[in-house]
Amino acid sequence: MSRFFGKESEDKAVDFLQERGFKIVDRNFYASRLGEIDIIAFKDETLHFIEVKSTRKNFEPIYNITPNKLRKIINSAEYYLKKKKLKYRWSIDALIIKVDSIELIENITM
């Protein structure tokens, strides 16, 4: 995926989340070798660590969230909470963008 397409998808994701009452806290948080979190947002007393996956083709982008990728997201989320000294309830979510739809899947670690 091109960098431009990725940025464009994340911008769509931010708009989608804000329209649903999420407050964007951070974007593209890099936790050094641990990995990166696309969007960090707050809603209903929960901090959401959101991985954005998108496609222009007839493919399910959710399959790009591998067990290894998920482990990196969890480690990055824990690092973020520790670094910022936050004690919120939190969730790892996926936001899936296809050509004709956007879907938020909350708590993908359950």
N, C-alpha and C. Protein backbone atom coordinates (compact mmCIF):
# COMPACT_ATOMS: atom_id res chain seq x y z
N MET A 1 0.85 -1.17 0.00
CA MET A 1 0.00 0.00 0.00
C MET A 1 0.89 1.23 0.00
N SER A 2 0.55 2.19 -0.85
CA SER A 2 1.35 3.41 -0.90
C SER A 2 1.16 4.22 0.37
N ARG A 3 2.16 5.04 0.66
CA ARG A 3 2.09 5.89 1.84
C ARG A 3 0.90 6.85 1.77
N PHE A 4 0.65 7.39 0.57
CA PHE A 4 -0.47 8.31 0.39
C PHE A 4 -1.80 7.62 0.67
N PHE A 5 -1.96 6.39 0.16
CA PHE A 5 -3.21 5.64 0.39
C PHE A 5 -3.39 5.36 1.87
N GLY A 6 -2.31 5.02 2.55
CA GLY A 6 -2.37 4.78 3.99
C GLY A 6 -2.78 6.02 4.76
N LYS A 7 -2.21 7.16 4.43
CA LYS A 7 -2.55 8.43 5.09
C LYS A 7 -4.00 8.80 4.80
N GLU A 8 -4.41 8.64 3.56
CA GLU A 8 -5.79 8.92 3.17
C GLU A 8 -6.77 8.03 3.94
N SER A 9 -6.43 6.76 4.11
CA SER A 9 -7.28 5.83 4.85
C SER A 9 -7.36 6.23 6.32
N GLU A 10 -6.24 6.62 6.91
CA GLU A 10 -6.25 7.05 8.31
C GLU A 10 -7.06 8.32 8.49
N ASP A 11 -7.00 9.23 7.53
CA ASP A 11 -7.83 10.45 7.60
C ASP A 11 -9.32 10.09 7.56
N LYS A 12 -9.69 9.15 6.70
CA LYS A 12 -11.08 8.68 6.64
C LYS A 12 -11.48 8.05 7.97
N ALA A 13 -10.57 7.29 8.54
CA ALA A 13 -10.82 6.63 9.82
C ALA A 13 -11.07 7.66 10.92
N VAL A 14 -10.26 8.71 10.96
CA VAL A 14 -10.42 9.77 11.96
C VAL A 14 -11.79 10.42 11.82
N ASP A 15 -12.17 10.76 10.59
CA ASP A 15 -13.49 11.36 10.36
C ASP A 15 -14.61 10.43 10.84
N PHE A 16 -14.50 9.16 10.49
CA PHE A 16 -15.48 8.15 10.88
C PHE A 16 -15.61 8.08 12.40
N LEU A 17 -14.47 8.04 13.09
CA LEU A 17 -14.48 7.94 14.55
C LEU A 17 -15.06 9.20 15.20
N GLN A 18 -14.65 10.37 14.72
CA GLN A 18 -15.14 11.62 15.30
C GLN A 18 -16.64 11.76 15.11
N GLU A 19 -17.16 11.32 13.97
CA GLU A 19 -18.61 11.36 13.73
C GLU A 19 -19.37 10.48 14.72
N ARG A 20 -18.68 9.51 15.31
CA ARG A 20 -19.30 8.60 16.27
C ARG A 20 -18.93 8.91 17.71
N GLY A 21 -18.41 10.10 17.94
CA GLY A 21 -18.18 10.56 19.30
C GLY A 21 -16.82 10.24 19.91
N PHE A 22 -15.90 9.71 19.12
CA PHE A 22 -14.55 9.46 19.62
C PHE A 22 -13.75 10.75 19.62
N LYS A 23 -12.93 10.93 20.65
CA LYS A 23 -12.00 12.06 20.72
C LYS A 23 -10.62 11.51 20.36
N ILE A 24 -10.02 12.04 19.31
CA ILE A 24 -8.71 11.57 18.86
C ILE A 24 -7.66 12.11 19.83
N VAL A 25 -6.87 11.21 20.40
CA VAL A 25 -5.85 11.57 21.37
C VAL A 25 -4.48 11.63 20.72
N ASP A 26 -4.20 10.70 19.82
CA ASP A 26 -2.88 10.61 19.18
C ASP A 26 -3.01 9.85 17.87
N ARG A 27 -2.04 10.10 16.98
CA ARG A 27 -1.98 9.37 15.71
C ARG A 27 -0.56 8.93 15.46
N ASN A 28 -0.41 7.79 14.85
CA ASN A 28 0.89 7.25 14.47
C ASN A 28 1.89 7.28 15.63
N PHE A 29 1.49 6.70 16.74
CA PHE A 29 2.36 6.62 17.91
C PHE A 29 3.36 5.49 17.71
N TYR A 30 4.64 5.85 17.69
CA TYR A 30 5.71 4.87 17.53
C TYR A 30 6.29 4.52 18.88
N ALA A 31 6.31 3.24 19.18
CA ALA A 31 6.88 2.76 20.44
C ALA A 31 8.19 2.03 20.13
N SER A 32 9.07 2.71 19.47
CA SER A 32 10.38 2.19 19.05
C SER A 32 10.24 0.82 18.39
N ARG A 33 10.97 -0.16 18.85
CA ARG A 33 10.96 -1.48 18.20
C ARG A 33 9.67 -2.25 18.45
N LEU A 34 8.86 -1.77 19.38
CA LEU A 34 7.61 -2.47 19.69
C LEU A 34 6.61 -2.39 18.55
N GLY A 35 6.58 -1.27 17.87
CA GLY A 35 5.64 -1.10 16.79
C GLY A 35 4.99 0.27 16.79
N GLU A 36 3.88 0.36 16.08
CA GLU A 36 3.20 1.64 15.90
C GLU A 36 1.70 1.43 16.04
N ILE A 37 1.04 2.44 16.57
CA ILE A 37 -0.42 2.43 16.69
C ILE A 37 -0.94 3.54 15.79
N ASP A 38 -1.87 3.19 14.90
CA ASP A 38 -2.37 4.16 13.93
C ASP A 38 -3.12 5.31 14.61
N ILE A 39 -4.11 4.96 15.43
CA ILE A 39 -4.95 5.99 16.06
C ILE A 39 -5.21 5.59 17.52
N ILE A 40 -5.11 6.57 18.40
CA ILE A 40 -5.49 6.39 19.79
C ILE A 40 -6.63 7.36 20.04
N ALA A 41 -7.77 6.83 20.49
CA ALA A 41 -8.97 7.65 20.67
C ALA A 41 -9.63 7.31 22.00
N PHE A 42 -10.43 8.25 22.49
CA PHE A 42 -11.10 8.09 23.78
C PHE A 42 -12.61 8.21 23.60
N LYS A 43 -13.35 7.27 24.20
CA LYS A 43 -14.81 7.33 24.18
C LYS A 43 -15.34 6.47 25.32
N ASP A 44 -16.36 6.97 25.99
CA ASP A 44 -17.03 6.21 27.06
C ASP A 44 -16.04 5.67 28.10
N GLU A 45 -15.14 6.54 28.55
CA GLU A 45 -14.16 6.19 29.59
C GLU A 45 -13.24 5.04 29.20
N THR A 46 -13.05 4.82 27.90
CA THR A 46 -12.17 3.77 27.40
C THR A 46 -11.21 4.37 26.38
N LEU A 47 -9.94 4.00 26.50
CA LEU A 47 -8.93 4.40 25.53
C LEU A 47 -8.87 3.31 24.46
N HIS A 48 -9.06 3.70 23.22
CA HIS A 48 -9.08 2.76 22.10
C HIS A 48 -7.80 2.89 21.29
N PHE A 49 -7.10 1.77 21.14
CA PHE A 49 -5.91 1.70 20.29
C PHE A 49 -6.37 1.05 19.00
N ILE A 50 -6.36 1.83 17.91
CA ILE A 50 -7.04 1.42 16.69
C ILE A 50 -6.05 1.18 15.55
N GLU A 51 -6.12 -0.02 15.00
CA GLU A 51 -5.33 -0.39 13.83
C GLU A 51 -6.22 -0.20 12.60
N VAL A 52 -5.76 0.61 11.66
CA VAL A 52 -6.52 0.88 10.44
C VAL A 52 -5.99 -0.03 9.33
N LYS A 53 -6.91 -0.75 8.71
CA LYS A 53 -6.56 -1.60 7.57
C LYS A 53 -7.52 -1.26 6.43
N SER A 54 -6.96 -1.08 5.25
CA SER A 54 -7.79 -0.70 4.11
C SER A 54 -7.33 -1.42 2.85
N THR A 55 -8.23 -1.42 1.88
CA THR A 55 -7.91 -2.05 0.61
C THR A 55 -8.69 -1.36 -0.51
N ARG A 56 -8.14 -1.45 -1.70
CA ARG A 56 -8.84 -0.97 -2.89
C ARG A 56 -9.37 -2.17 -3.69
N LYS A 57 -9.08 -3.36 -3.20
CA LYS A 57 -9.44 -4.57 -3.94
C LYS A 57 -10.48 -5.37 -3.19
N ASN A 58 -10.91 -6.45 -3.79
CA ASN A 58 -11.89 -7.35 -3.17
C ASN A 58 -11.15 -8.32 -2.26
N PHE A 59 -10.68 -7.81 -1.13
CA PHE A 59 -9.90 -8.58 -0.17
C PHE A 59 -10.29 -8.14 1.22
N GLU A 60 -10.27 -9.03 2.18
CA GLU A 60 -10.60 -8.69 3.56
C GLU A 60 -9.36 -8.19 4.29
N PRO A 61 -9.25 -6.88 4.51
CA PRO A 61 -8.06 -6.32 5.15
C PRO A 61 -7.82 -6.80 6.57
N ILE A 62 -8.84 -7.30 7.25
CA ILE A 62 -8.68 -7.78 8.63
C ILE A 62 -7.63 -8.88 8.69
N TYR A 63 -7.46 -9.64 7.60
CA TYR A 63 -6.48 -10.72 7.59
C TYR A 63 -5.04 -10.22 7.62
N ASN A 64 -4.85 -8.93 7.43
CA ASN A 64 -3.51 -8.35 7.55
C ASN A 64 -3.12 -8.10 9.00
N ILE A 65 -4.04 -8.31 9.92
CA ILE A 65 -3.71 -8.20 11.34
C ILE A 65 -3.34 -9.61 11.81
N THR A 66 -2.08 -9.92 11.69
CA THR A 66 -1.57 -11.24 12.05
C THR A 66 -1.36 -11.34 13.56
N PRO A 67 -1.19 -12.54 14.07
CA PRO A 67 -0.88 -12.67 15.51
C PRO A 67 0.35 -11.86 15.92
N ASN A 68 1.37 -11.84 15.08
CA ASN A 68 2.57 -11.06 15.37
C ASN A 68 2.27 -9.56 15.42
N LYS A 69 1.48 -9.08 14.46
CA LYS A 69 1.09 -7.66 14.42
C LYS A 69 0.26 -7.32 15.66
N LEU A 70 -0.66 -8.18 16.02
CA LEU A 70 -1.50 -7.95 17.19
C LEU A 70 -0.66 -7.88 18.47
N ARG A 71 0.32 -8.75 18.59
CA ARG A 71 1.21 -8.73 19.75
C ARG A 71 1.96 -7.39 19.83
N LYS A 72 2.41 -6.89 18.68
CA LYS A 72 3.11 -5.60 18.65
C LYS A 72 2.18 -4.45 19.06
N ILE A 73 0.93 -4.51 18.62
CA ILE A 73 -0.03 -3.47 18.98
C ILE A 73 -0.28 -3.49 20.49
N ILE A 74 -0.47 -4.68 21.04
CA ILE A 74 -0.70 -4.80 22.49
C ILE A 74 0.50 -4.27 23.27
N ASN A 75 1.71 -4.66 22.86
CA ASN A 75 2.92 -4.18 23.54
C ASN A 75 3.04 -2.66 23.43
N SER A 76 2.72 -2.12 22.27
CA SER A 76 2.78 -0.67 22.07
C SER A 76 1.75 0.04 22.94
N ALA A 77 0.55 -0.53 23.05
CA ALA A 77 -0.50 0.06 23.89
C ALA A 77 -0.06 0.07 25.35
N GLU A 78 0.49 -1.04 25.81
CA GLU A 78 0.97 -1.10 27.20
C GLU A 78 2.09 -0.09 27.45
N TYR A 79 2.98 0.04 26.47
CA TYR A 79 4.07 1.03 26.57
C TYR A 79 3.49 2.45 26.65
N TYR A 80 2.51 2.74 25.80
CA TYR A 80 1.88 4.06 25.77
C TYR A 80 1.27 4.39 27.14
N LEU A 81 0.52 3.45 27.69
CA LEU A 81 -0.13 3.65 28.99
C LEU A 81 0.91 3.90 30.09
N LYS A 82 1.97 3.14 30.05
CA LYS A 82 3.03 3.29 31.06
C LYS A 82 3.76 4.62 30.89
N LYS A 83 4.10 4.94 29.66
CA LYS A 83 4.84 6.19 29.37
C LYS A 83 4.02 7.42 29.78
N LYS A 84 2.73 7.38 29.50
CA LYS A 84 1.85 8.53 29.80
C LYS A 84 1.27 8.46 31.21
N LYS A 85 1.57 7.38 31.94
CA LYS A 85 1.07 7.17 33.31
C LYS A 85 -0.46 7.23 33.35
N LEU A 86 -1.08 6.49 32.44
CA LEU A 86 -2.54 6.46 32.34
C LEU A 86 -3.09 5.17 32.92
N LYS A 87 -4.24 5.27 33.54
CA LYS A 87 -4.88 4.09 34.12
C LYS A 87 -6.34 4.04 33.65
N TYR A 88 -6.51 3.93 32.36
CA TYR A 88 -7.85 3.82 31.78
C TYR A 88 -8.12 2.38 31.40
N ARG A 89 -9.41 2.08 31.29
CA ARG A 89 -9.81 0.85 30.63
C ARG A 89 -9.41 1.04 29.17
N TRP A 90 -8.95 -0.03 28.51
CA TRP A 90 -8.51 0.13 27.12
C TRP A 90 -8.90 -1.06 26.26
N SER A 91 -8.87 -0.80 24.97
CA SER A 91 -9.33 -1.79 24.00
C SER A 91 -8.46 -1.70 22.74
N ILE A 92 -8.18 -2.85 22.15
CA ILE A 92 -7.51 -2.90 20.85
C ILE A 92 -8.61 -3.11 19.81
N ASP A 93 -8.71 -2.18 18.87
CA ASP A 93 -9.77 -2.22 17.87
C ASP A 93 -9.17 -2.23 16.46
N ALA A 94 -9.97 -2.67 15.51
CA ALA A 94 -9.60 -2.62 14.10
C ALA A 94 -10.64 -1.79 13.36
N LEU A 95 -10.17 -0.91 12.51
CA LEU A 95 -11.07 -0.14 11.66
C LEU A 95 -10.78 -0.56 10.23
N ILE A 96 -11.76 -1.16 9.61
CA ILE A 96 -11.60 -1.75 8.28
C ILE A 96 -12.24 -0.86 7.24
N ILE A 97 -11.44 -0.44 6.27
CA ILE A 97 -11.94 0.43 5.20
C ILE A 97 -11.86 -0.32 3.88
N LYS A 98 -13.03 -0.50 3.28
CA LYS A 98 -13.12 -1.10 1.95
C LYS A 98 -13.60 -0.03 0.99
N VAL A 99 -13.69 -0.38 -0.26
CA VAL A 99 -14.09 0.59 -1.28
C VAL A 99 -15.43 1.25 -0.94
N ASP A 100 -16.39 0.45 -0.44
CA ASP A 100 -17.73 0.98 -0.23
C ASP A 100 -18.20 0.93 1.22
N SER A 101 -17.30 0.67 2.17
CA SER A 101 -17.76 0.59 3.55
C SER A 101 -16.61 0.82 4.54
N ILE A 102 -17.01 1.21 5.75
CA ILE A 102 -16.08 1.36 6.86
C ILE A 102 -16.71 0.64 8.05
N GLU A 103 -15.91 -0.18 8.74
CA GLU A 103 -16.42 -0.94 9.88
C GLU A 103 -15.42 -0.87 11.03
N LEU A 104 -15.93 -0.58 12.21
CA LEU A 104 -15.12 -0.59 13.42
C LEU A 104 -15.40 -1.90 14.16
N ILE A 105 -14.35 -2.65 14.42
CA ILE A 105 -14.47 -3.89 15.19
C ILE A 105 -13.74 -3.65 16.51
N GLU A 106 -14.53 -3.56 17.57
CA GLU A 106 -13.94 -3.25 18.87
C GLU A 106 -13.46 -4.51 19.58
N ASN A 107 -12.41 -4.32 20.37
CA ASN A 107 -11.86 -5.36 21.23
C ASN A 107 -11.52 -6.64 20.47
N ILE A 108 -10.60 -6.53 19.52
CA ILE A 108 -10.25 -7.68 18.68
C ILE A 108 -9.39 -8.71 19.40
N THR A 109 -9.01 -8.45 20.63
CA THR A 109 -8.19 -9.40 21.37
C THR A 109 -9.02 -10.43 22.13
N MET A 110 -10.33 -10.27 22.14
CA MET A 110 -11.21 -11.22 22.86
C MET A 110 -11.52 -12.42 22.00
